[in-house]
């Protein structure tokens, strides 16, 4: 699945690509932003939700952990919820909370 996205708050844009890795038995979501930044998430289906995780350097060199959760809200609705931690997972902050609605 290929997604084109634009961050309204920052004006940045990019693409994400989702695929299943049958050898390692997990899903991958690979982001590419218009400034060249790339992020690779890995995940799995758990209790009916798609859950992705990644770790990487933050803007000041600190380690940033991110969780993405995709939840089905109905036949034509999906929630994408992002959490971010910069203290090794002790505390989490909301990165965003989106609802996608299928176009008719």
N, C-alpha and C. Protein backbone atom coordinates (compact mmCIF):
# COMPACT_ATOMS: atom_id res chain seq x y z
N UNK A 1 0.85 -1.17 0.00
CA UNK A 1 0.00 0.00 0.00
C UNK A 1 0.89 1.23 0.00
N UNK A 2 0.63 2.16 -0.89
CA UNK A 2 1.38 3.41 -0.99
C UNK A 2 0.49 4.56 -0.54
N UNK A 3 1.03 5.41 0.34
CA UNK A 3 0.29 6.57 0.84
C UNK A 3 1.07 7.83 0.51
N UNK A 4 0.37 8.86 0.03
CA UNK A 4 0.92 10.20 -0.12
C UNK A 4 0.34 11.03 1.02
N UNK A 5 1.19 11.74 1.75
CA UNK A 5 0.70 12.50 2.89
C UNK A 5 1.31 13.90 2.93
N UNK A 6 0.59 14.79 3.61
CA UNK A 6 1.05 16.16 3.86
C UNK A 6 0.74 16.50 5.31
N UNK A 7 1.73 17.00 6.03
CA UNK A 7 1.55 17.43 7.41
C UNK A 7 1.07 18.87 7.40
N UNK A 8 -0.18 19.07 7.75
CA UNK A 8 -0.77 20.41 7.71
C UNK A 8 -0.03 21.36 8.65
N UNK A 9 0.35 20.89 9.83
CA UNK A 9 0.99 21.76 10.83
C UNK A 9 2.35 22.28 10.37
N UNK A 10 3.13 21.44 9.64
CA UNK A 10 4.49 21.85 9.27
C UNK A 10 4.65 22.12 7.79
N UNK A 11 3.71 21.65 6.97
CA UNK A 11 3.83 21.82 5.54
C UNK A 11 4.71 20.79 4.87
N UNK A 12 5.31 19.88 5.65
CA UNK A 12 6.13 18.84 5.04
C UNK A 12 5.23 17.81 4.36
N UNK A 13 5.81 17.05 3.46
CA UNK A 13 5.05 16.05 2.72
C UNK A 13 5.94 14.84 2.51
N UNK A 14 5.31 13.75 2.12
CA UNK A 14 6.08 12.55 1.87
C UNK A 14 5.22 11.39 1.44
N UNK A 15 5.82 10.22 1.51
CA UNK A 15 5.16 8.98 1.13
C UNK A 15 5.45 7.93 2.18
N UNK A 16 4.51 7.00 2.32
CA UNK A 16 4.78 5.82 3.13
C UNK A 16 4.39 4.59 2.32
N UNK A 17 5.12 3.54 2.55
CA UNK A 17 4.88 2.28 1.86
C UNK A 17 4.75 1.19 2.91
N UNK A 18 3.68 0.41 2.85
CA UNK A 18 3.44 -0.67 3.78
C UNK A 18 3.56 -2.01 3.06
N UNK A 19 4.21 -2.97 3.72
CA UNK A 19 4.33 -4.30 3.13
C UNK A 19 4.54 -5.33 4.22
N UNK A 20 4.23 -6.58 3.89
CA UNK A 20 4.45 -7.69 4.80
C UNK A 20 5.74 -8.39 4.42
N UNK A 21 6.58 -8.69 5.42
CA UNK A 21 7.83 -9.43 5.22
C UNK A 21 7.57 -10.89 5.60
N UNK A 22 7.37 -11.78 4.61
CA UNK A 22 7.02 -13.16 4.93
C UNK A 22 8.15 -13.96 5.57
N UNK A 23 9.39 -13.58 5.33
CA UNK A 23 10.52 -14.29 5.93
C UNK A 23 10.58 -14.03 7.43
N UNK A 24 10.48 -12.76 7.83
CA UNK A 24 10.56 -12.40 9.25
C UNK A 24 9.20 -12.35 9.94
N UNK A 25 8.12 -12.47 9.15
CA UNK A 25 6.75 -12.52 9.65
C UNK A 25 6.35 -11.26 10.42
N UNK A 26 6.65 -10.11 9.82
CA UNK A 26 6.17 -8.85 10.37
C UNK A 26 5.88 -7.86 9.25
N UNK A 27 5.11 -6.84 9.58
CA UNK A 27 4.77 -5.77 8.65
C UNK A 27 5.83 -4.68 8.75
N UNK A 28 6.01 -3.95 7.67
CA UNK A 28 6.93 -2.81 7.65
C UNK A 28 6.21 -1.61 7.07
N UNK A 29 6.47 -0.44 7.64
CA UNK A 29 6.00 0.82 7.07
C UNK A 29 7.23 1.71 6.95
N UNK A 30 7.51 2.15 5.72
CA UNK A 30 8.70 2.93 5.42
C UNK A 30 8.26 4.32 4.99
N UNK A 31 8.69 5.34 5.75
CA UNK A 31 8.34 6.74 5.44
C UNK A 31 9.51 7.42 4.75
N UNK A 32 9.21 8.25 3.77
CA UNK A 32 10.20 9.13 3.15
C UNK A 32 9.60 10.53 3.13
N UNK A 33 10.29 11.46 3.78
CA UNK A 33 9.81 12.85 3.84
C UNK A 33 10.49 13.68 2.76
N UNK A 34 9.88 14.82 2.44
CA UNK A 34 10.41 15.67 1.36
C UNK A 34 11.78 16.26 1.67
N UNK A 35 12.22 16.22 2.94
CA UNK A 35 13.56 16.70 3.27
C UNK A 35 14.60 15.57 3.26
N UNK A 36 14.18 14.35 2.85
CA UNK A 36 15.09 13.21 2.78
C UNK A 36 15.09 12.33 4.01
N UNK A 37 14.42 12.75 5.07
CA UNK A 37 14.34 11.94 6.28
C UNK A 37 13.58 10.65 5.98
N UNK A 38 14.10 9.53 6.46
CA UNK A 38 13.43 8.24 6.30
C UNK A 38 13.23 7.59 7.67
N UNK A 39 12.14 6.86 7.81
CA UNK A 39 11.83 6.15 9.05
C UNK A 39 11.27 4.79 8.68
N UNK A 40 11.79 3.73 9.32
CA UNK A 40 11.29 2.39 9.10
C UNK A 40 10.63 1.89 10.38
N UNK A 41 9.34 1.59 10.29
CA UNK A 41 8.58 1.00 11.39
C UNK A 41 8.41 -0.49 11.11
N UNK A 42 8.41 -1.32 12.14
CA UNK A 42 8.06 -2.73 12.00
C UNK A 42 6.91 -3.01 12.95
N UNK A 43 6.06 -3.98 12.58
CA UNK A 43 4.91 -4.23 13.42
C UNK A 43 4.19 -5.52 13.13
N UNK A 44 3.06 -5.67 13.83
CA UNK A 44 2.26 -6.87 13.72
C UNK A 44 0.81 -6.57 14.10
N UNK A 45 -0.05 -7.50 13.77
CA UNK A 45 -1.45 -7.39 14.13
C UNK A 45 -1.63 -7.95 15.54
N UNK A 46 -2.26 -7.16 16.41
CA UNK A 46 -2.47 -7.58 17.80
C UNK A 46 -3.85 -7.13 18.26
N UNK A 47 -4.67 -8.07 18.67
CA UNK A 47 -6.03 -7.78 19.14
C UNK A 47 -6.82 -6.93 18.15
N UNK A 48 -6.67 -7.24 16.86
CA UNK A 48 -7.42 -6.53 15.84
C UNK A 48 -6.86 -5.17 15.45
N UNK A 49 -5.70 -4.79 15.99
CA UNK A 49 -5.06 -3.51 15.66
C UNK A 49 -3.70 -3.77 15.02
N UNK A 50 -3.31 -2.91 14.07
CA UNK A 50 -1.97 -2.97 13.50
C UNK A 50 -1.10 -2.06 14.36
N UNK A 51 -0.03 -2.63 14.90
CA UNK A 51 0.86 -1.88 15.79
C UNK A 51 2.28 -1.88 15.23
N UNK A 52 2.80 -0.68 15.01
CA UNK A 52 4.15 -0.48 14.49
C UNK A 52 5.00 0.22 15.54
N UNK A 53 6.32 -0.05 15.52
CA UNK A 53 7.28 0.58 16.43
C UNK A 53 8.54 0.95 15.67
N UNK A 54 9.23 1.98 16.17
CA UNK A 54 10.54 2.33 15.64
C UNK A 54 11.32 3.10 16.71
N UNK A 55 12.63 3.12 16.56
CA UNK A 55 13.52 3.93 17.40
C UNK A 55 14.52 4.61 16.48
N UNK A 56 14.91 5.82 16.85
CA UNK A 56 15.89 6.53 16.05
C UNK A 56 16.32 7.81 16.74
N UNK A 57 17.30 8.50 16.17
CA UNK A 57 17.78 9.72 16.79
C UNK A 57 16.79 10.87 16.62
N UNK A 58 16.66 11.67 17.69
CA UNK A 58 15.84 12.87 17.64
C UNK A 58 16.64 14.05 17.14
N UNK A 59 16.03 15.22 17.08
CA UNK A 59 16.72 16.40 16.53
C UNK A 59 17.94 16.83 17.33
N UNK A 60 17.99 16.47 18.62
CA UNK A 60 19.14 16.84 19.46
C UNK A 60 20.04 15.64 19.77
N UNK A 61 19.88 14.55 19.00
CA UNK A 61 20.70 13.36 19.20
C UNK A 61 20.15 12.37 20.22
N UNK A 62 19.07 12.74 20.91
CA UNK A 62 18.48 11.82 21.88
C UNK A 62 17.75 10.69 21.16
N UNK A 63 17.59 9.55 21.84
CA UNK A 63 16.86 8.43 21.23
C UNK A 63 15.36 8.69 21.33
N UNK A 64 14.67 8.58 20.21
CA UNK A 64 13.22 8.77 20.15
C UNK A 64 12.57 7.43 19.81
N UNK A 65 11.58 7.04 20.61
CA UNK A 65 10.79 5.85 20.33
C UNK A 65 9.42 6.31 19.83
N UNK A 66 8.88 5.58 18.85
CA UNK A 66 7.57 5.93 18.32
C UNK A 66 6.71 4.67 18.18
N UNK A 67 5.45 4.81 18.51
CA UNK A 67 4.45 3.75 18.31
C UNK A 67 3.39 4.29 17.36
N UNK A 68 2.97 3.49 16.41
CA UNK A 68 1.82 3.79 15.56
C UNK A 68 0.80 2.67 15.78
N UNK A 69 -0.44 3.02 15.97
CA UNK A 69 -1.51 2.03 16.10
C UNK A 69 -2.62 2.38 15.12
N UNK A 70 -3.00 1.41 14.29
CA UNK A 70 -4.11 1.56 13.36
C UNK A 70 -5.26 0.70 13.89
N UNK A 71 -6.41 1.32 14.11
CA UNK A 71 -7.58 0.64 14.65
C UNK A 71 -8.77 0.84 13.72
N UNK A 72 -9.47 -0.24 13.44
CA UNK A 72 -10.68 -0.16 12.62
C UNK A 72 -11.82 0.39 13.47
N UNK A 73 -12.44 1.48 13.01
CA UNK A 73 -13.53 2.11 13.74
C UNK A 73 -14.89 1.78 13.14
N UNK A 74 -14.89 1.13 12.01
CA UNK A 74 -16.12 0.78 11.31
C UNK A 74 -15.76 0.32 9.92
N UNK A 75 -16.76 0.05 9.09
CA UNK A 75 -16.45 -0.47 7.75
C UNK A 75 -15.71 0.53 6.86
N UNK A 76 -15.82 1.81 7.13
CA UNK A 76 -15.18 2.83 6.30
C UNK A 76 -14.34 3.83 7.09
N UNK A 77 -13.92 3.45 8.31
CA UNK A 77 -13.15 4.37 9.16
C UNK A 77 -11.98 3.64 9.82
N UNK A 78 -10.82 4.32 9.85
CA UNK A 78 -9.63 3.80 10.52
C UNK A 78 -9.00 4.92 11.33
N UNK A 79 -8.57 4.60 12.53
CA UNK A 79 -7.85 5.55 13.38
C UNK A 79 -6.36 5.25 13.30
N UNK A 80 -5.54 6.30 13.14
CA UNK A 80 -4.08 6.18 13.21
C UNK A 80 -3.63 7.04 14.39
N UNK A 81 -3.04 6.39 15.38
CA UNK A 81 -2.64 7.05 16.62
C UNK A 81 -1.14 6.90 16.80
N UNK A 82 -0.43 8.04 16.97
CA UNK A 82 1.03 8.02 17.11
C UNK A 82 1.40 8.51 18.51
N UNK A 83 2.29 7.75 19.17
CA UNK A 83 2.84 8.13 20.47
C UNK A 83 4.36 8.23 20.34
N UNK A 84 4.95 9.15 21.11
CA UNK A 84 6.39 9.41 21.05
C UNK A 84 6.95 9.45 22.47
N UNK A 85 8.14 8.84 22.64
CA UNK A 85 8.84 8.89 23.93
C UNK A 85 10.29 9.28 23.69
N UNK A 86 10.80 10.17 24.52
CA UNK A 86 12.22 10.55 24.44
C UNK A 86 12.95 10.18 25.73
N UNK A 87 12.29 9.37 26.60
CA UNK A 87 12.93 8.96 27.86
C UNK A 87 12.96 7.44 28.01
N UNK A 88 13.16 6.75 26.89
CA UNK A 88 13.27 5.30 26.93
C UNK A 88 11.96 4.56 27.16
N UNK A 89 10.85 5.22 26.93
CA UNK A 89 9.56 4.57 27.09
C UNK A 89 8.92 4.75 28.45
N UNK A 90 9.53 5.56 29.32
CA UNK A 90 8.93 5.80 30.65
C UNK A 90 7.65 6.62 30.53
N UNK A 91 7.67 7.61 29.64
CA UNK A 91 6.48 8.42 29.41
C UNK A 91 6.25 8.54 27.91
N UNK A 92 4.99 8.72 27.53
CA UNK A 92 4.62 8.82 26.12
C UNK A 92 3.76 10.05 25.91
N UNK A 93 3.98 10.73 24.78
CA UNK A 93 3.18 11.88 24.38
C UNK A 93 2.50 11.57 23.05
N UNK A 94 1.33 12.17 22.86
CA UNK A 94 0.60 11.97 21.61
C UNK A 94 1.29 12.76 20.50
N UNK A 95 1.63 12.09 19.42
CA UNK A 95 2.19 12.75 18.24
C UNK A 95 1.08 13.25 17.34
N UNK A 96 0.07 12.41 17.14
CA UNK A 96 -1.15 12.79 16.43
C UNK A 96 -2.19 11.71 16.64
N UNK A 97 -3.42 12.06 16.28
CA UNK A 97 -4.54 11.15 16.40
C UNK A 97 -5.48 11.44 15.21
N UNK A 98 -5.34 10.64 14.16
CA UNK A 98 -6.09 10.86 12.91
C UNK A 98 -7.23 9.86 12.76
N UNK A 99 -8.26 10.28 12.06
CA UNK A 99 -9.31 9.37 11.61
C UNK A 99 -9.40 9.46 10.10
N UNK A 100 -9.26 8.32 9.44
CA UNK A 100 -9.39 8.24 7.99
C UNK A 100 -10.79 7.74 7.67
N UNK A 101 -11.44 8.38 6.71
CA UNK A 101 -12.77 7.98 6.27
C UNK A 101 -12.71 7.71 4.77
N UNK A 102 -13.17 6.53 4.38
CA UNK A 102 -13.16 6.15 2.97
C UNK A 102 -14.05 7.09 2.16
N UNK A 103 -13.52 7.57 1.02
CA UNK A 103 -14.32 8.39 0.12
C UNK A 103 -15.35 7.52 -0.57
N UNK A 104 -16.53 8.06 -0.75
CA UNK A 104 -17.61 7.31 -1.45
C UNK A 104 -17.40 7.41 -2.94
